[in-house]
PDB file of N, CA and C in Angstrom:
ATOM      1  N   MET A   1      16.626 -13.746  51.716  1.00  0.00           N
ATOM      2  CA  MET A   1      17.823 -13.510  50.542  1.00  0.00           C
ATOM      3  C   MET A   1      18.446 -14.121  49.856  1.00  0.00           C
ATOM      4  N   VAL A   2      18.451 -14.339  48.671  1.00  0.00           N
ATOM      5  CA  VAL A   2      18.846 -15.213  47.916  1.00  0.00           C
ATOM      6  C   VAL A   2      20.516 -14.783  47.603  1.00  0.00           C
ATOM      7  N   ASP A   3      21.363 -15.857  47.900  1.00  0.00           N
ATOM      8  CA  ASP A   3      22.433 -15.850  47.478  1.00  0.00           C
ATOM      9  C   ASP A   3      22.930 -15.820  46.080  1.00  0.00           C
ATOM     10  N   ASN A   4      23.375 -15.176  45.236  1.00  0.00           N
ATOM     11  CA  ASN A   4      23.602 -15.400  43.469  1.00  0.00           C
ATOM     12  C   ASN A   4      25.293 -15.681  43.413  1.00  0.00           C
ATOM     13  N   ASP A   5      25.516 -16.242  44.471  1.00  0.00           N
ATOM     14  CA  ASP A   5      27.259 -16.331  44.441  1.00  0.00           C
ATOM     15  C   ASP A   5      27.123 -17.763  43.597  1.00  0.00           C
ATOM     16  N   SER A   6      28.228 -18.072  42.208  1.00  0.00           N
ATOM     17  CA  SER A   6      28.081 -18.804  41.334  1.00  0.00           C
ATOM     18  C   SER A   6      28.739 -20.193  42.166  1.00  0.00           C
ATOM     19  N   ASN A   7      29.565 -19.937  43.238  1.00  0.00           N
ATOM     20  CA  ASN A   7      29.872 -21.313  43.682  1.00  0.00           C
ATOM     21  C   ASN A   7      28.732 -22.163  44.611  1.00  0.00           C
ATOM     22  N   ASN A   8      27.759 -21.562  45.000  1.00  0.00           N
ATOM     23  CA  ASN A   8      26.524 -22.451  45.375  1.00  0.00           C
ATOM     24  C   ASN A   8      25.719 -23.011  44.281  1.00  0.00           C
ATOM     25  N   ARG A   9      25.793 -22.407  43.201  1.00  0.00           N
ATOM     26  CA  ARG A   9      24.879 -22.899  42.024  1.00  0.00           C
ATOM     27  C   ARG A   9      25.216 -24.060  41.705  1.00  0.00           C
ATOM     28  N   ARG A  10      24.310 -25.193  41.396  1.00  0.00           N
ATOM     29  CA  ARG A  10      24.360 -26.595  41.068  1.00  0.00           C
ATOM     30  C   ARG A  10      24.417 -26.380  39.647  1.00  0.00           C
ATOM     31  N   ARG A  11      25.151 -27.394  39.073  1.00  0.00           N
ATOM     32  CA  ARG A  11      25.361 -27.488  37.374  1.00  0.00           C
ATOM     33  C   ARG A  11      24.535 -28.776  37.374  1.00  0.00           C
ATOM     34  N   LEU A  12      23.351 -28.738  36.707  1.00  0.00           N
ATOM     35  CA  LEU A  12      22.537 -29.502  36.739  1.00  0.00           C
ATOM     36  C   LEU A  12      22.059 -29.694  35.006  1.00  0.00           C
ATOM     37  N   VAL A  13      21.927 -30.919  34.642  1.00  0.00           N
ATOM     38  CA  VAL A  13      21.885 -31.334  33.352  1.00  0.00           C
ATOM     39  C   VAL A  13      20.540 -32.386  33.012  1.00  0.00           C
ATOM     40  N   VAL A  14      19.937 -32.359  31.971  1.00  0.00           N
ATOM     41  CA  VAL A  14      18.939 -33.564  31.862  1.00  0.00           C
ATOM     42  C   VAL A  14      19.727 -35.064  31.875  1.00  0.00           C
ATOM     43  N   PHE A  15      19.090 -35.872  32.024  1.00  0.00           N
ATOM     44  CA  PHE A  15      19.477 -36.878  32.393  1.00  0.00           C
ATOM     45  C   PHE A  15      20.520 -37.930  31.387  1.00  0.00           C
ATOM     46  N   LYS A  16      20.071 -37.440  30.368  1.00  0.00           N
ATOM     47  CA  LYS A  16      20.839 -38.137  28.965  1.00  0.00           C
ATOM     48  C   LYS A  16      22.278 -37.191  28.927  1.00  0.00           C
ATOM     49  N   ASP A  17      22.171 -36.456  28.996  1.00  0.00           N
ATOM     50  CA  ASP A  17      23.282 -35.635  29.115  1.00  0.00           C
ATOM     51  C   ASP A  17      24.263 -35.584  30.263  1.00  0.00           C
ATOM     52  N   GLY A  18      23.924 -35.998  31.468  1.00  0.00           N
ATOM     53  CA  GLY A  18      24.458 -36.330  32.441  1.00  0.00           C
ATOM     54  C   GLY A  18      25.285 -37.797  32.157  1.00  0.00           C
ATOM     55  N   CYS A  19      24.667 -38.423  31.752  1.00  0.00           N
ATOM     56  CA  CYS A  19      25.026 -39.859  31.367  1.00  0.00           C
ATOM     57  C   CYS A  19      26.527 -39.626  30.336  1.00  0.00           C
ATOM     58  N   ARG A  20      25.939 -38.600  29.604  1.00  0.00           N
ATOM     59  CA  ARG A  20      27.057 -38.375  28.337  1.00  0.00           C
ATOM     60  C   ARG A  20      28.325 -38.004  28.856  1.00  0.00           C
ATOM     61  N   TYR A  21      27.990 -36.976  29.827  1.00  0.00           N
ATOM     62  CA  TYR A  21      29.392 -36.167  30.515  1.00  0.00           C
ATOM     63  C   TYR A  21      29.927 -37.238  30.958  1.00  0.00           C
ATOM     64  N   GLY A  22      29.605 -38.251  31.863  1.00  0.00           N
ATOM     65  CA  GLY A  22      29.857 -38.912  33.306  1.00  0.00           C
ATOM     66  C   GLY A  22      30.513 -40.403  32.084  1.00  0.00           C
ATOM     67  N   LYS A  23      30.423 -40.327  30.925  1.00  0.00           N
ATOM     68  CA  LYS A  23      30.620 -41.549  30.158  1.00  0.00           C
ATOM     69  C   LYS A  23      30.174 -42.939  31.036  1.00  0.00           C
ATOM     70  N   PHE A  24      28.743 -42.711  31.284  1.00  0.00           N
ATOM     71  CA  PHE A  24      28.155 -44.315  31.456  1.00  0.00           C
ATOM     72  C   PHE A  24      26.428 -44.222  31.246  1.00  0.00           C
ATOM     73  N   GLY A  25      26.120 -45.437  30.965  1.00  0.00           N
ATOM     74  CA  GLY A  25      24.918 -45.397  30.402  1.00  0.00           C
ATOM     75  C   GLY A  25      23.742 -45.098  31.342  1.00  0.00           C
ATOM     76  N   LYS A  26      22.633 -45.385  30.934  1.00  0.00           N
ATOM     77  CA  LYS A  26      21.403 -45.053  32.039  1.00  0.00           C
ATOM     78  C   LYS A  26      21.332 -46.075  33.020  1.00  0.00           C
ATOM     79  N   THR A  27      21.823 -47.433  32.887  1.00  0.00           N
ATOM     80  CA  THR A  27      21.481 -48.383  34.104  1.00  0.00           C
ATOM     81  C   THR A  27      22.418 -48.175  35.061  1.00  0.00           C
ATOM     82  N   LYS A  28      23.609 -47.621  34.469  1.00  0.00           N
ATOM     83  CA  LYS A  28      24.793 -47.285  35.439  1.00  0.00           C
ATOM     84  C   LYS A  28      24.450 -46.159  36.505  1.00  0.00           C
ATOM     85  N   ALA A  29      24.189 -45.226  35.596  1.00  0.00           N
ATOM     86  CA  ALA A  29      23.518 -43.948  36.121  1.00  0.00           C
ATOM     87  C   ALA A  29      22.538 -43.921  37.329  1.00  0.00           C
ATOM     88  N   TYR A  30      21.411 -44.738  37.333  1.00  0.00           N
ATOM     89  CA  TYR A  30      20.153 -45.268  38.208  1.00  0.00           C
ATOM     90  C   TYR A  30      21.027 -45.997  39.081  1.00  0.00           C
ATOM     91  N   GLU A  31      22.285 -47.110  39.075  1.00  0.00           N
ATOM     92  CA  GLU A  31      22.646 -47.787  40.088  1.00  0.00           C
ATOM     93  C   GLU A  31      23.690 -46.242  40.971  1.00  0.00           C
ATOM     94  N   LEU A  32      24.369 -45.631  40.327  1.00  0.00           N
ATOM     95  CA  LEU A  32      24.792 -44.538  41.258  1.00  0.00           C
ATOM     96  C   LEU A  32      24.172 -43.648  42.058  1.00  0.00           C
ATOM     97  N   ILE A  33      23.125 -43.545  41.189  1.00  0.00           N
ATOM     98  CA  ILE A  33      21.902 -42.955  42.119  1.00  0.00           C
ATOM     99  C   ILE A  33      21.165 -43.463  43.381  1.00  0.00           C
ATOM    100  N   ALA A  34      21.103 -44.823  42.746  1.00  0.00           N
ATOM    101  CA  ALA A  34      20.499 -45.394  44.227  1.00  0.00           C
ATOM    102  C   ALA A  34      21.664 -45.413  45.205  1.00  0.00           C
ATOM    103  N   HIS A  35      22.765 -45.543  45.028  1.00  0.00           N
ATOM    104  CA  HIS A  35      23.831 -45.961  46.018  1.00  0.00           C
ATOM    105  C   HIS A  35      24.510 -44.686  46.374  1.00  0.00           C
ATOM    106  N   GLU A  36      23.786 -43.182  45.897  1.00  0.00           N
ATOM    107  CA  GLU A  36      24.381 -42.139  46.554  1.00  0.00           C
ATOM    108  C   GLU A  36      25.675 -41.673  45.827  1.00  0.00           C
ATOM    109  N   ARG A  37      26.451 -42.047  44.823  1.00  0.00           N
ATOM    110  CA  ARG A  37      27.775 -41.491  44.424  1.00  0.00           C
ATOM    111  C   ARG A  37      27.284 -40.511  43.786  1.00  0.00           C
ATOM    112  N   ILE A  38      26.158 -40.142  42.880  1.00  0.00           N
ATOM    113  CA  ILE A  38      26.043 -39.077  42.177  1.00  0.00           C
ATOM    114  C   ILE A  38      24.737 -38.533  42.227  1.00  0.00           C
ATOM    115  N   ARG A  39      24.405 -37.162  42.501  1.00  0.00           N
ATOM    116  CA  ARG A  39      23.202 -36.626  42.785  1.00  0.00           C
ATOM    117  C   ARG A  39      22.256 -36.503  41.844  1.00  0.00           C
ATOM    118  N   ALA A  40      21.170 -36.834  41.929  1.00  0.00           N
ATOM    119  CA  ALA A  40      19.954 -36.414  40.988  1.00  0.00           C
ATOM    120  C   ALA A  40      18.923 -35.627  41.648  1.00  0.00           C
ATOM    121  N   TYR A  41      18.389 -34.852  40.580  1.00  0.00           N
ATOM    122  CA  TYR A  41      17.022 -34.328  41.261  1.00  0.00           C
ATOM    123  C   TYR A  41      15.880 -34.043  40.365  1.00  0.00           C
ATOM    124  N   LYS A  42      14.810 -34.021  40.461  1.00  0.00           N
ATOM    125  CA  LYS A  42      13.633 -33.847  39.857  1.00  0.00           C
ATOM    126  C   LYS A  42      12.999 -32.531  39.693  1.00  0.00           C
ATOM    127  N   MET A  43      13.119 -31.881  38.480  1.00  0.00           N
ATOM    128  CA  MET A  43      12.771 -30.699  38.295  1.00  0.00           C
ATOM    129  C   MET A  43      11.581 -30.820  37.155  1.00  0.00           C
ATOM    130  N   GLY A  44      10.551 -30.836  37.690  1.00  0.00           N
ATOM    131  CA  GLY A  44       9.045 -31.104  36.714  1.00  0.00           C
ATOM    132  C   GLY A  44       9.132 -32.642  36.658  1.00  0.00           C
ATOM    133  N   GLY A  45       8.780 -33.146  35.550  1.00  0.00           N
ATOM    134  CA  GLY A  45       8.538 -34.638  35.096  1.00  0.00           C
ATOM    135  C   GLY A  45      10.227 -35.089  34.771  1.00  0.00           C
ATOM    136  N   LYS A  46      11.401 -33.956  34.933  1.00  0.00           N
ATOM    137  CA  LYS A  46      12.448 -34.477  34.516  1.00  0.00           C
ATOM    138  C   LYS A  46      13.812 -34.672  35.315  1.00  0.00           C
ATOM    139  N   THR A  47      14.312 -35.908  35.310  1.00  0.00           N
ATOM    140  CA  THR A  47      15.375 -36.247  36.169  1.00  0.00           C
ATOM    141  C   THR A  47      16.748 -35.157  36.037  1.00  0.00           C
ATOM    142  N   MET A  48      17.613 -34.429  36.711  1.00  0.00           N
ATOM    143  CA  MET A  48      18.721 -33.593  36.312  1.00  0.00           C
ATOM    144  C   MET A  48      19.560 -34.310  37.365  1.00  0.00           C
ATOM    145  N   ILE A  49      20.941 -34.396  36.318  1.00  0.00           N
ATOM    146  CA  ILE A  49      21.916 -34.751  37.294  1.00  0.00           C
ATOM    147  C   ILE A  49      23.105 -33.660  37.544  1.00  0.00           C
ATOM    148  N   ASP A  50      23.608 -33.643  38.592  1.00  0.00           N
ATOM    149  CA  ASP A  50      24.430 -32.954  39.221  1.00  0.00           C
ATOM    150  C   ASP A  50      25.676 -33.251  38.791  1.00  0.00           C
ATOM    151  N   LEU A  51      26.198 -32.353  37.774  1.00  0.00           N
ATOM    152  CA  LEU A  51      27.889 -32.310  37.386  1.00  0.00           C
ATOM    153  C   LEU A  51      28.760 -32.728  38.643  1.00  0.00           C
ATOM    154  N   ASP A  52      28.710 -31.696  39.210  1.00  0.00           N
ATOM    155  CA  ASP A  52      29.648 -31.385  40.091  1.00  0.00           C
ATOM    156  C   ASP A  52      29.568 -32.997  41.157  1.00  0.00           C
ATOM    157  N   SER A  53      28.500 -33.738  41.188  1.00  0.00           N
ATOM    158  CA  SER A  53      28.902 -34.991  41.878  1.00  0.00           C
ATOM    159  C   SER A  53      29.308 -36.138  40.709  1.00  0.00           C
ATOM    160  N   VAL A  54      29.164 -35.747  39.535  1.00  0.00           N
ATOM    161  CA  VAL A  54      29.902 -36.766  38.382  1.00  0.00           C
ATOM    162  C   VAL A  54      31.452 -36.456  38.964  1.00  0.00           C
ATOM    163  N   ASP A  55      31.699 -35.308  38.655  1.00  0.00           N
ATOM    164  CA  ASP A  55      33.292 -35.066  38.733  1.00  0.00           C
ATOM    165  C   ASP A  55      33.890 -35.701  40.159  1.00  0.00           C
ATOM    166  N   GLU A  56      32.996 -35.367  41.239  1.00  0.00           N
ATOM    167  CA  GLU A  56      33.367 -36.134  42.844  1.00  0.00           C
ATOM    168  C   GLU A  56      33.558 -37.392  42.717  1.00  0.00           C
ATOM    169  N   TYR A  57      32.338 -38.032  41.751  1.00  0.00           N
ATOM    170  CA  TYR A  57      32.499 -39.550  41.872  1.00  0.00           C
ATOM    171  C   TYR A  57      33.666 -40.377  40.804  1.00  0.00           C
ATOM    172  N   HIS A  58      34.216 -39.432  39.858  1.00  0.00           N
ATOM    173  CA  HIS A  58      35.309 -39.611  39.068  1.00  0.00           C
ATOM    174  C   HIS A  58      36.353 -39.739  39.795  1.00  0.00           C
ATOM    175  N   ALA A  59      36.633 -38.521  40.657  1.00  0.00           N
ATOM    176  CA  ALA A  59      37.783 -38.225  41.299  1.00  0.00           C
ATOM    177  C   ALA A  59      37.574 -39.452  42.163  1.00  0.00           C
ATOM    178  N   SER A  60      36.940 -40.035  42.565  1.00  0.00           N
ATOM    179  CA  SER A  60      36.833 -41.280  44.071  1.00  0.00           C
ATOM    180  C   SER A  60      37.260 -42.336  43.274  1.00  0.00           C
ATOM    181  N   LEU A  61      37.164 -42.908  42.013  1.00  0.00           N
ATOM    182  CA  LEU A  61      37.516 -43.974  41.471  1.00  0.00           C
ATOM    183  C   LEU A  61      39.157 -43.912  41.383  1.00  0.00           C
ATOM    184  N   PRO A  62      39.427 -45.638  41.982  1.00  0.00           N
ATOM    185  CA  PRO A  62      40.938 -45.960  42.588  1.00  0.00           C
ATOM    186  C   PRO A  62      41.636 -46.165  41.150  1.00  0.00           C
ATOM    187  N   ARG A  63      42.778 -45.606  40.929  1.00  0.00           N
ATOM    188  CA  ARG A  63      44.065 -45.453  40.228  1.00  0.00           C
ATOM    189  C   ARG A  63      44.184 -46.824  39.756  1.00  0.00           C
ATOM    190  N   VAL A  64      44.371 -47.445  38.833  1.00  0.00           N
ATOM    191  CA  VAL A  64      45.107 -48.617  38.258  1.00  0.00           C
ATOM    192  C   VAL A  64      46.435 -48.577  38.481  1.00  0.00           C
ATOM    193  N   GLU A  65      47.047 -49.880  39.244  1.00  0.00           N
ATOM    194  CA  GLU A  65      48.320 -49.829  39.291  1.00  0.00           C
ATOM    195  C   GLU A  65      49.179 -50.902  38.043  1.00  0.00           C
ATOM    196  N   THR A  66      49.926 -50.356  37.723  1.00  0.00           N
ATOM    197  CA  THR A  66      50.829 -51.221  36.882  1.00  0.00           C
ATOM    198  C   THR A  66      51.853 -52.019  37.482  1.00  0.00           C
ATOM    199  N   ARG A  67      51.955 -53.279  36.773  1.00  0.00           N
ATOM    200  CA  ARG A  67      52.873 -54.098  37.333  1.00  0.00           C
ATOM    201  C   ARG A  67      54.196 -53.691  36.707  1.00  0.00           C
ATOM    202  N   ALA A  68      55.165 -53.903  37.516  1.00  0.00           N
ATOM    203  CA  ALA A  68      56.656 -53.760  36.840  1.00  0.00           C
ATOM    204  C   ALA A  68      57.021 -55.160  36.196  1.00  0.00           C
ATOM    205  N   SER A  69      57.951 -54.862  35.460  1.00  0.00           N
ATOM    206  CA  SER A  69      58.285 -55.577  34.440  1.00  0.00           C
ATOM    207  C   SER A  69      59.230 -56.686  35.076  1.00  0.00           C
TER     208      SER A  69
END
């Protein structure tokens, strides 16, 4: 049985669009994929980036603390 629930669908985009969405270059994207910080999949000959994993990566970044004057 196929579950068509939209919560179980991956938001996949081509590599270039994933980099644009994540605001990082291709070298950084490959580094994040290698360190399993974002998820990527092969679809035919194309590398697809999971946008939910990019959102998770952004949410995991440390916040910059400002110094008191």
